[in-house]
Protein backbone atom coordinates (compact mmCIF):
# COMPACT_ATOMS: atom_id res chain seq x y z
CA MET A 1 75.23 136.11 121.92
CA LYS A 2 77.81 137.29 124.39
CA ARG A 3 77.00 139.16 127.80
CA MET A 4 74.67 142.03 127.14
CA THR A 5 76.01 145.60 127.01
CA ILE A 6 75.04 147.45 130.17
CA LEU A 7 72.97 150.62 129.71
CA SER A 8 74.47 151.98 132.93
CA ALA A 9 74.94 155.41 131.47
CA MET A 10 71.18 155.67 131.01
CA ALA A 11 70.31 154.62 134.54
CA ALA A 12 69.14 157.36 136.89
CA THR A 13 71.25 158.45 139.80
CA VAL A 14 70.82 156.18 142.78
CA VAL A 15 68.17 157.52 145.09
CA GLY A 16 68.07 157.46 148.84
CA MET A 17 71.82 157.71 149.28
CA THR A 18 71.35 159.66 152.50
CA ALA A 19 69.62 156.69 154.09
CA GLN A 20 71.59 154.20 156.11
CA VAL A 21 72.52 151.44 153.66
CA ASN A 22 72.11 148.78 156.32
CA ALA A 23 68.86 150.20 157.69
CA PRO A 24 65.88 147.83 157.66
CA GLU A 25 63.47 150.57 156.52
CA ILE A 26 62.21 150.94 152.97
CA ASP A 27 64.89 153.47 152.05
CA GLY A 28 67.52 150.97 153.14
CA TYR A 29 66.15 148.34 150.76
CA LEU A 30 65.97 150.93 148.00
CA SER A 31 69.56 152.04 148.56
CA ARG A 32 70.89 148.51 148.70
CA GLY A 33 68.90 147.45 145.67
CA THR A 34 70.00 150.31 143.47
CA LEU A 35 73.61 149.95 144.61
CA MET A 36 73.52 146.26 143.73
CA TYR A 37 72.07 147.12 140.33
CA ARG A 38 74.91 149.54 139.66
CA ASP A 39 77.39 146.84 140.75
CA GLN A 40 75.76 144.44 138.26
CA ASN A 41 74.52 142.21 141.07
CA TYR A 42 71.15 141.90 139.40
CA GLN A 43 69.76 139.03 141.44
CA GLY A 44 70.69 140.87 144.63
CA ALA A 45 68.96 143.99 143.32
CA ILE A 46 65.82 141.99 142.50
CA ASP A 47 65.79 140.43 145.98
CA GLN A 48 66.17 143.76 147.79
CA LEU A 49 63.65 145.65 145.66
CA THR A 50 61.10 142.85 145.71
CA GLN A 51 61.25 142.96 149.50
CA LEU A 52 60.71 146.72 149.32
CA LYS A 53 57.52 146.17 147.29
CA ARG A 54 56.13 144.08 150.17
CA MET A 55 56.53 146.98 152.63
CA SER A 56 53.90 149.50 151.43
CA PRO A 57 56.30 151.88 149.64
CA ASP A 58 55.22 155.35 148.58
CA SER A 59 54.70 156.05 144.88
CA HIS A 60 58.29 157.22 144.27
CA GLN A 61 59.81 154.21 146.02
CA ALA A 62 57.54 151.82 144.13
CA GLU A 63 58.45 153.48 140.81
CA GLU A 64 62.18 153.15 141.47
CA ALA A 65 61.80 149.53 142.58
CA ASP A 66 59.74 148.58 139.52
CA PHE A 67 62.22 150.27 137.19
CA TYR A 68 65.34 148.60 138.55
CA ILE A 69 63.69 145.21 138.89
CA ALA A 70 62.71 145.38 135.20
CA LEU A 71 66.22 146.36 134.08
CA SER A 72 67.77 143.71 136.30
CA ARG A 73 65.60 141.09 134.61
CA LEU A 74 66.71 142.42 131.22
CA TYR A 75 70.41 142.20 132.05
CA ARG A 76 69.95 138.72 133.48
CA GLY A 77 68.67 137.71 130.05
CA GLU A 78 65.11 137.14 131.26
CA LEU A 79 63.74 138.93 128.23
CA SER A 80 60.10 137.87 128.29
CA GLU A 81 59.66 138.80 131.94
CA ALA A 82 61.65 142.03 131.46
CA ARG A 83 59.41 143.05 128.56
CA GLN A 84 56.27 142.48 130.62
CA LEU A 85 57.67 144.50 133.52
CA LEU A 86 58.81 147.33 131.27
CA GLU A 87 55.47 147.54 129.49
CA ALA A 88 53.71 147.59 132.86
CA PHE A 89 56.11 150.30 134.04
CA ILE A 90 55.26 152.52 131.07
CA GLY A 91 51.56 152.10 131.78
CA ASP A 92 51.89 152.66 135.53
CA TYR A 93 54.26 155.65 135.43
CA PRO A 94 53.58 157.64 132.23
CA SER A 95 55.37 160.73 133.59
CA SER A 96 58.43 158.89 134.89
CA SER A 97 61.88 160.38 134.37
CA HIS A 98 62.91 156.82 133.41
CA MET A 99 60.51 156.69 130.46
CA LEU A 100 63.17 157.04 127.75
CA THR A 101 65.28 154.27 129.29
CA ALA A 102 62.21 152.04 129.58
CA LEU A 103 61.34 152.55 125.90
CA MET A 104 64.92 151.87 124.85
CA SER A 105 64.99 148.75 127.00
CA ILE A 106 61.88 147.32 125.36
CA ALA A 107 63.60 147.85 122.00
CA ASP A 108 66.61 146.05 123.46
CA CYS A 109 64.38 143.07 124.32
CA ASP A 110 63.45 142.83 120.64
CA PHE A 111 67.09 143.25 119.65
CA TYR A 112 68.38 140.48 121.91
CA GLU A 113 65.56 138.17 120.78
CA GLY A 114 66.62 138.68 117.15
CA GLU A 115 63.47 140.56 116.23
CA TYR A 116 65.45 143.14 114.30
CA GLU A 117 62.64 144.70 112.29
CA GLN A 118 60.60 145.34 115.43
CA ALA A 119 63.69 146.53 117.32
CA LEU A 120 64.54 148.97 114.56
CA ALA A 121 61.01 150.38 114.53
CA ARG A 122 61.22 150.96 118.28
CA TYR A 123 64.67 152.54 118.10
CA ASN A 124 63.54 154.84 115.29
CA ALA A 125 60.73 156.10 117.54
CA ILE A 126 63.31 157.29 120.10
CA PRO A 127 65.00 160.65 119.35
CA GLU A 128 68.75 160.13 119.51
CA SER A 129 69.16 163.78 120.52
CA ALA A 130 67.46 162.98 123.83
CA LEU A 131 70.12 160.41 124.76
CA ASP A 132 73.41 161.01 126.48
CA LEU A 133 76.66 160.10 124.71
CA ALA A 134 77.01 156.51 125.93
CA ALA A 135 73.35 155.70 125.37
CA ALA A 136 73.48 157.26 121.90
CA GLU A 137 76.39 154.97 121.00
CA ASP A 138 74.42 151.91 122.15
CA TYR A 139 71.46 153.16 120.16
CA ARG A 140 73.45 153.64 116.94
CA TYR A 141 75.24 150.31 117.30
CA ARG A 142 72.04 148.33 117.76
CA LYS A 143 70.37 150.20 114.91
CA ALA A 144 73.37 149.47 112.68
CA TYR A 145 73.39 145.79 113.58
CA SER A 146 69.63 145.52 113.04
CA LEU A 147 69.93 147.20 109.64
CA MET A 148 72.73 144.82 108.69
CA LYS A 149 70.65 141.77 109.68
CA LEU A 150 67.82 143.14 107.53
CA ASP A 151 70.21 143.48 104.55
CA GLU A 152 69.92 147.27 104.60
CA TRP A 153 73.60 147.50 103.72
CA ASP A 154 73.99 151.21 102.94
CA ALA A 155 72.12 152.38 106.02
CA ALA A 156 74.04 149.95 108.21
CA MET A 157 77.33 151.17 106.75
CA ASN A 158 76.47 154.76 107.60
CA GLN A 159 75.55 153.88 111.17
CA PHE A 160 78.72 151.83 111.67
CA ALA A 161 80.78 154.66 110.16
CA SER A 162 79.48 156.98 112.89
CA LEU A 163 80.91 154.58 115.50
CA ARG A 164 84.39 154.21 114.03
CA SER A 165 85.82 156.95 116.27
CA THR A 166 84.25 155.65 119.49
CA LYS A 167 86.17 153.69 122.07
CA ARG A 168 83.59 151.01 122.80
CA TYR A 169 82.40 150.27 119.28
CA SER A 170 85.27 151.14 116.96
CA ASN A 171 86.50 147.56 116.61
CA ALA A 172 83.03 146.10 116.09
CA ALA A 173 82.13 148.84 113.60
CA ARG A 174 85.23 148.13 111.47
CA PHE A 175 84.56 144.39 111.60
CA TYR A 176 80.94 144.68 110.50
CA GLN A 177 81.78 147.15 107.76
CA GLY A 178 84.36 144.64 106.55
CA TYR A 179 81.76 141.87 106.73
CA ILE A 180 79.30 143.92 104.66
CA TYR A 181 81.94 144.52 101.99
CA TYR A 182 82.67 140.77 102.04
CA ALA A 183 78.98 139.94 101.65
CA GLN A 184 78.78 142.35 98.72
CA GLY A 185 81.83 140.80 97.06
CA ASP A 186 84.11 143.83 97.48
CA TYR A 187 87.03 141.79 98.74
CA SER A 188 89.60 144.58 98.51
CA LYS A 189 87.75 146.81 100.97
CA ALA A 190 86.76 143.80 103.07
CA LYS A 191 90.40 142.76 103.46
CA GLU A 192 91.47 146.28 104.37
CA LEU A 193 88.96 146.52 107.20
CA LEU A 194 89.03 142.93 108.45
CA SER A 195 92.81 143.01 108.61
CA SER A 196 92.67 146.07 110.88
CA VAL A 197 90.48 144.70 113.67
CA ASN A 198 91.50 143.43 117.08
CA THR A 199 91.10 139.65 116.80
CA SER A 200 91.50 138.98 120.52
CA THR A 201 87.88 139.80 121.27
CA ALA A 202 84.48 139.37 119.65
CA PRO A 203 83.41 140.12 117.02
CA GLY A 204 86.92 140.76 115.67
CA ASN A 205 87.91 137.18 116.49
CA ARG A 206 85.83 136.15 113.48
CA ALA A 207 87.79 138.25 111.00
CA ASP A 208 90.22 135.48 110.06
CA TYR A 209 87.33 133.28 108.95
CA TYR A 210 86.31 135.78 106.28
CA LEU A 211 89.90 136.60 105.32
CA THR A 212 90.47 132.86 104.82
CA GLN A 213 87.40 132.64 102.62
CA ILE A 214 88.66 135.56 100.54
CA ALA A 215 92.12 134.03 100.11
CA PHE A 216 90.59 130.74 98.96
CA THR A 217 88.14 132.45 96.59
CA GLU A 218 91.02 134.43 95.07
CA GLY A 219 93.02 131.23 94.54
CA ASP A 220 95.77 132.03 97.05
CA TYR A 221 95.83 128.46 98.37
CA ASP A 222 99.05 128.76 100.37
CA LYS A 223 97.60 131.68 102.31
CA ALA A 224 94.17 130.06 102.60
CA LEU A 225 95.74 126.89 104.01
CA SER A 226 97.84 128.77 106.53
CA MET A 227 94.93 130.89 107.68
CA ALA A 228 92.50 127.96 107.79
CA ARG A 229 94.83 126.02 110.09
CA LYS A 230 95.02 129.04 112.37
CA ALA A 231 91.32 129.92 112.25
CA MET A 232 89.80 126.48 112.67
CA ASN A 233 90.35 126.56 116.42
CA THR A 234 89.41 130.20 116.94
CA VAL A 235 85.60 130.02 116.77
CA ALA A 236 84.14 126.53 117.19
CA GLU A 237 81.26 127.03 114.76
CA PHE A 238 83.72 127.85 111.98
CA THR A 239 85.85 124.71 112.42
CA PRO A 240 84.10 122.55 109.78
CA GLU A 241 84.37 125.22 107.09
CA MET A 242 88.03 125.82 107.91
CA GLN A 243 88.68 122.06 107.66
CA ARG A 244 87.06 122.08 104.23
CA ILE A 245 89.11 125.02 103.03
CA ALA A 246 92.32 123.47 104.37
CA GLY A 247 91.51 120.22 102.56
CA GLU A 248 90.60 121.83 99.27
CA SER A 249 93.61 124.16 99.44
CA LEU A 250 95.90 121.17 99.95
CA TYR A 251 94.24 119.41 97.03
CA ASN A 252 94.84 122.42 94.79
CA LEU A 253 98.45 122.52 95.99
CA GLY A 254 98.89 118.88 94.97
CA ASP A 255 98.99 117.28 98.43
CA GLU A 256 96.09 114.89 98.01
CA ALA A 257 96.99 112.66 100.97
CA GLU A 258 96.83 115.43 103.55
CA ALA A 259 93.86 116.96 101.76
CA VAL A 260 91.91 113.75 102.34
CA THR A 261 92.77 113.90 106.05
CA TYR A 262 91.23 117.35 106.44
CA LEU A 263 88.24 116.56 104.27
CA GLU A 264 87.51 113.43 106.31
CA LYS A 265 87.66 115.56 109.47
CA TRP A 266 85.29 118.02 107.82
CA THR A 267 82.82 115.27 106.93
CA THR A 268 82.98 113.75 110.42
CA THR A 269 82.58 117.11 112.15
CA ARG A 270 79.60 118.04 110.01
CA ARG A 271 77.95 114.67 110.64
CA CYS A 272 78.47 114.98 114.40
CA ARG A 273 77.14 118.54 114.48
CA LYS A 274 74.08 117.54 112.46
CA ARG A 275 73.36 114.60 114.75
CA HIS A 276 73.76 116.80 117.83
CA SER A 277 71.45 119.48 116.44
CA THR A 278 68.66 116.97 115.85
CA THR A 279 68.77 115.70 119.42
CA THR A 280 69.02 119.05 121.13
CA PRO A 281 65.69 120.50 122.33
């Protein structure tokens, strides 16, 4: 998956800002650590706040340190450790003002691990009305994606529809709605949506793959060939399928010689990928 979306809008306001940032006292470590967290320097935040924990902090300082260390682990992709820290945080600080963020972050651990059913159950236990605007958008997007992965098409469509007018998720929402229509065989609606996305960034950069599949399925071999040649170098994992479609389109267009060239590339690429997958831990 790409770099995780930052739940910065849900993070509490940095504490201890009146302390000298370069001071060696506990408040100095707390200020530096939380500032580093906000600057996405997660390892730096962990280092500063771990040092704070060694200095006999008071209960508030310890709570803040534990919270930001846990989130820093999450955003570094250390999901197992982040989950343990977040669960410990919930047990240690049941009245914390960070409780909602901690619960959402545990759901995010499930989401990023691909445990979509468990993630969805956790998200559903969080009232969206308690979230601010940015956090609510993250919440709806991850619920929509989880629903889609669980083949709950209608519910996913409704969630993605609610994100179509947002700045951060509009492109992804249109792409995934287009993908759902494609998966359901409604190629007309799929083409309309997939043709409207920004293909310069993920997940919109995958749109041409599905548009190529549609063109080939509909027997538009000239278009399928043109799109396959363009798409085969866009997303590496799609290259073999695009080689196949290019070859079969050429065959249907009567150019058997060039068709064989692409189909041989397809066979070789698939064989290499299969061999690599069996030797990779």
